Every structure is written in structure tokens, then in C-alpha cells.
Amino acid sequence: MSWLIAAALFAVAASGLLVVRSRSPRRQVFALAGNGVTLGILFFVVQAPDVALSEFAVNTVITPLLFLVTLAAAAMNEARR
């Protein structure tokens, strides 16, 4: 079981690095959603399913959706000028 936790931690660290290294805001949003998935998997591995479900709902769905709506609104505002 400890190797599974280590693999999940490595996946979380790698996905976090992808979020930080992305230059485009849209790519950062999708990388953030992927980071939410890996964090949810980590929480399932360490036997915290309630936290994992919250992580899937908030960091994988709601937050990226809000960021994408904000990026679209900013692009529409920029196009009007």
C-alpha cells in the first residue's frame, strides 16, 4: 500500500509542476483540473473518500469552469474595445 501512496504523491507533484510550468491561462485551467483529479485519487488512496469527492467536485469541475467563464468574459471584453 505504501508504494501506491508514493505513486499518487508523485503524480500530484508532477501535475502540480505542469500547472506551474504552463504559460497559457487556458492550459493552466486544464492542468489545474488534472491536478484536482490526481489529488482526488490521492485522497481515495489514503482512505478519505469524503475529501476526495469534495476535491473532484470543487477543484476538478467548479473552479476550472469559473476560470474558463472568466477567460471568455475577458476575451469578449477585449474584443469590444
C-alpha atoms as a PDB file:
ATOM      1  CA  MET A   1       0.000   0.000   0.000  1.00  0.00           C
ATOM      2  CA  SER A   2       2.853   2.409   0.676  1.00  0.00           C
ATOM      3  CA  TRP A   3       4.037   2.167  -2.931  1.00  0.00           C
ATOM      4  CA  LEU A   4       0.557   3.214  -4.049  1.00  0.00           C
ATOM      5  CA  ILE A   5       0.693   6.279  -1.806  1.00  0.00           C
ATOM      6  CA  ALA A   6       4.163   7.116  -3.125  1.00  0.00           C
ATOM      7  CA  ALA A   7       2.949   6.798  -6.721  1.00  0.00           C
ATOM      8  CA  ALA A   8      -0.052   9.025  -6.001  1.00  0.00           C
ATOM      9  CA  LEU A   9       2.174  11.626  -4.340  1.00  0.00           C
ATOM     10  CA  PHE A  10       4.500  11.568  -7.333  1.00  0.00           C
ATOM     11  CA  ALA A  11       1.522  12.052  -9.678  1.00  0.00           C
ATOM     12  CA  VAL A  12       0.303  15.007  -7.600  1.00  0.00           C
ATOM     13  CA  ALA A  13       3.762  16.582  -7.656  1.00  0.00           C
ATOM     14  CA  ALA A  14       4.071  16.081 -11.419  1.00  0.00           C
ATOM     15  CA  SER A  15       0.634  17.524 -12.129  1.00  0.00           C
ATOM     16  CA  GLY A  16       1.360  20.481  -9.852  1.00  0.00           C
ATOM     17  CA  LEU A  17       4.545  21.111 -11.792  1.00  0.00           C
ATOM     18  CA  LEU A  18       2.556  21.064 -15.028  1.00  0.00           C
ATOM     19  CA  VAL A  19       0.200  23.702 -13.646  1.00  0.00           C
ATOM     20  CA  VAL A  20       3.097  25.952 -12.698  1.00  0.00           C
ATOM     21  CA  ARG A  21       5.037  25.451 -15.929  1.00  0.00           C
ATOM     22  CA  SER A  22       2.089  26.156 -18.262  1.00  0.00           C
ATOM     23  CA  ARG A  23       2.210  29.575 -19.885  1.00  0.00           C
ATOM     24  CA  SER A  24      -1.234  29.846 -21.433  1.00  0.00           C
ATOM     25  CA  PRO A  25      -4.076  30.577 -18.996  1.00  0.00           C
ATOM     26  CA  ARG A  26      -6.354  28.102 -20.775  1.00  0.00           C
ATOM     27  CA  ARG A  27      -3.758  25.344 -20.463  1.00  0.00           C
ATOM     28  CA  GLN A  28      -3.303  26.242 -16.814  1.00  0.00           C
ATOM     29  CA  VAL A  29      -7.033  25.755 -16.239  1.00  0.00           C
ATOM     30  CA  PHE A  30      -6.986  22.278 -17.762  1.00  0.00           C
ATOM     31  CA  ALA A  31      -3.786  21.403 -15.896  1.00  0.00           C
ATOM     32  CA  LEU A  32      -5.466  22.577 -12.677  1.00  0.00           C
ATOM     33  CA  ALA A  33      -8.384  20.251 -13.397  1.00  0.00           C
ATOM     34  CA  GLY A  34      -5.924  17.399 -13.926  1.00  0.00           C
ATOM     35  CA  ASN A  35      -4.261  18.303 -10.663  1.00  0.00           C
ATOM     36  CA  GLY A  36      -7.667  18.054  -8.987  1.00  0.00           C
ATOM     37  CA  VAL A  37      -8.111  14.559 -10.389  1.00  0.00           C
ATOM     38  CA  THR A  38      -4.734  13.422  -9.094  1.00  0.00           C
ATOM     39  CA  LEU A  39      -5.430  14.952  -5.687  1.00  0.00           C
ATOM     40  CA  GLY A  40      -8.781  13.179  -5.585  1.00  0.00           C
ATOM     41  CA  ILE A  41      -7.071   9.890  -6.377  1.00  0.00           C
ATOM     42  CA  LEU A  42      -4.532  10.556  -3.625  1.00  0.00           C
ATOM     43  CA  PHE A  43      -7.311  11.154  -1.124  1.00  0.00           C
ATOM     44  CA  PHE A  44      -9.001   7.903  -2.164  1.00  0.00           C
ATOM     45  CA  VAL A  45      -5.696   6.067  -1.721  1.00  0.00           C
ATOM     46  CA  VAL A  46      -5.251   7.410   1.817  1.00  0.00           C
ATOM     47  CA  GLN A  47      -8.832   6.376   2.585  1.00  0.00           C
ATOM     48  CA  ALA A  48     -10.521   9.765   2.735  1.00  0.00           C
ATOM     49  CA  PRO A  49     -13.381   9.315   0.250  1.00  0.00           C
ATOM     50  CA  ASP A  50     -15.405  12.281   1.509  1.00  0.00           C
ATOM     51  CA  VAL A  51     -12.484  14.643   0.946  1.00  0.00           C
ATOM     52  CA  ALA A  52     -11.825  13.022  -2.431  1.00  0.00           C
ATOM     53  CA  LEU A  53     -15.386  13.609  -3.598  1.00  0.00           C
ATOM     54  CA  SER A  54     -15.194  17.229  -2.472  1.00  0.00           C
ATOM     55  CA  GLU A  55     -11.898  17.581  -4.321  1.00  0.00           C
ATOM     56  CA  PHE A  56     -13.406  16.149  -7.500  1.00  0.00           C
ATOM     57  CA  ALA A  57     -16.383  18.482  -7.281  1.00  0.00           C
ATOM     58  CA  VAL A  58     -14.560  21.687  -6.437  1.00  0.00           C
ATOM     59  CA  ASN A  59     -11.065  21.506  -7.935  1.00  0.00           C
ATOM     60  CA  THR A  60     -11.913  19.403 -10.978  1.00  0.00           C
ATOM     61  CA  VAL A  61     -15.268  20.858 -12.053  1.00  0.00           C
ATOM     62  CA  ILE A  62     -16.320  24.108 -10.403  1.00  0.00           C
ATOM     63  CA  THR A  63     -13.046  26.040 -10.209  1.00  0.00           C
ATOM     64  CA  PRO A  64     -11.930  25.344 -13.817  1.00  0.00           C
ATOM     65  CA  LEU A  65     -15.418  26.179 -15.046  1.00  0.00           C
ATOM     66  CA  LEU A  66     -15.319  29.535 -13.268  1.00  0.00           C
ATOM     67  CA  PHE A  67     -11.856  30.255 -14.656  1.00  0.00           C
ATOM     68  CA  LEU A  68     -12.981  29.386 -18.201  1.00  0.00           C
ATOM     69  CA  VAL A  69     -16.029  31.661 -17.890  1.00  0.00           C
ATOM     70  CA  THR A  70     -13.772  34.457 -16.648  1.00  0.00           C
ATOM     71  CA  LEU A  71     -11.339  33.963 -19.529  1.00  0.00           C
ATOM     72  CA  ALA A  72     -14.207  34.012 -22.027  1.00  0.00           C
ATOM     73  CA  ALA A  73     -15.637  37.181 -20.487  1.00  0.00           C
ATOM     74  CA  ALA A  74     -12.243  38.853 -20.609  1.00  0.00           C
ATOM     75  CA  ALA A  75     -11.831  37.878 -24.270  1.00  0.00           C
ATOM     76  CA  MET A  76     -15.286  39.247 -25.120  1.00  0.00           C
ATOM     77  CA  ASN A  77     -14.499  42.492 -23.273  1.00  0.00           C
ATOM     78  CA  GLU A  78     -11.206  42.786 -25.134  1.00  0.00           C
ATOM     79  CA  ALA A  79     -12.964  42.218 -28.475  1.00  0.00           C
ATOM     80  CA  ARG A  80     -15.416  45.046 -27.758  1.00  0.00           C
ATOM     81  CA  ARG A  81     -12.619  47.578 -27.336  1.00  0.00           C
END
